[in-house]
Protein backbone atom coordinates (compact mmCIF):
# COMPACT_ATOMS: atom_id res chain seq x y z
CA MET A 1 86.66 223.23 101.43
CA LYS A 2 87.89 219.41 102.10
CA THR A 3 87.59 218.64 98.09
CA LYS A 4 90.81 221.95 97.50
CA ARG A 5 92.17 220.55 100.33
CA ASN A 6 92.48 217.47 98.36
CA LYS A 7 93.07 218.60 94.78
CA LEU A 8 96.23 220.94 96.75
CA LEU A 9 97.25 217.90 98.20
CA VAL A 10 97.39 215.88 95.14
CA VAL A 11 98.93 218.63 92.98
CA ILE A 12 101.58 218.88 95.49
CA ASP A 13 102.37 214.78 95.14
CA ILE A 14 102.35 215.05 91.27
CA LEU A 15 105.18 217.97 91.65
CA ALA A 16 106.78 215.33 94.03
CA VAL A 17 106.72 211.95 91.68
CA LEU A 18 107.89 214.91 88.71
CA LEU A 19 110.76 215.44 90.67
CA PHE A 20 111.78 212.86 91.67
CA ALA A 21 111.92 211.92 88.04
CA ALA A 22 113.37 214.66 86.82
CA THR A 23 116.32 213.86 89.81
CA PHE A 24 117.68 211.21 87.78
CA SER A 25 117.18 212.67 84.40
CA PRO A 26 120.24 213.07 82.52
CA PHE A 27 119.25 217.25 82.93
CA VAL A 28 120.22 216.39 86.93
CA ILE A 29 122.89 214.10 86.18
CA PRO A 30 125.02 213.85 82.81
CA ALA A 31 127.03 211.38 81.95
CA GLY A 32 130.23 210.60 82.82
CA GLU A 33 129.99 215.34 82.74
CA ILE A 34 132.15 217.09 85.57
CA ASP A 35 132.99 220.20 83.48
CA PRO A 36 130.30 222.83 84.49
CA PHE A 37 130.88 224.79 87.54
CA ILE A 38 127.90 226.51 89.15
CA PHE A 39 129.15 229.26 92.39
CA GLY A 40 132.42 226.25 91.97
CA VAL A 41 130.47 223.32 93.04
CA SER A 42 130.41 220.84 90.36
CA TYR A 43 127.22 221.38 88.18
CA THR A 44 125.58 217.73 89.53
CA MET A 45 125.59 218.58 93.34
CA PHE A 46 124.51 222.49 92.23
CA THR A 47 121.67 220.60 90.57
CA GLY A 48 121.27 217.27 93.71
CA LEU A 49 121.48 220.68 96.19
CA LEU A 50 118.82 222.20 94.30
CA VAL A 51 116.31 219.40 94.19
CA SER A 52 116.98 218.93 97.79
CA VAL A 53 115.31 222.32 98.83
CA LEU A 54 112.83 222.47 96.34
CA PHE A 55 111.23 218.81 98.37
CA VAL A 56 112.11 221.15 101.36
CA ILE A 57 109.39 223.29 99.94
CA LEU A 58 107.11 220.87 98.39
CA ALA A 59 107.33 218.83 102.46
CA PHE A 60 105.69 222.64 103.88
CA LEU A 61 103.50 223.47 101.38
CA VAL A 62 101.97 220.15 102.06
CA SER A 63 102.21 221.04 106.14
CA LEU A 64 100.12 224.39 105.25
CA VAL A 65 97.70 222.33 103.38
CA ASN A 66 97.68 220.70 106.18
CA LYS A 67 97.35 222.21 108.93
CA GLU A 68 94.37 222.44 111.38
CA ILE A 69 92.53 225.11 112.34
CA GLU A 70 91.85 223.41 116.37
CA HIS A 71 95.07 221.74 117.39
CA ALA A 72 94.62 219.04 120.47
CA ASP A 73 96.34 221.42 123.28
């Protein structure tokens, strides 16, 4: 069971690093453009919010994987 948890953590870590790298790519931050709007919000702000939500989801998944069966209390 320990190795399965470690493999899941490695996969989540790789996803976090890829998401971090994508954050600074032209896909998220287009050079000198604010023209496209999604739901009345500029594209850069909308994708930044989406990236933040994805990081929160990844953090939640890490907390689920690291959940211990027995607690100290």
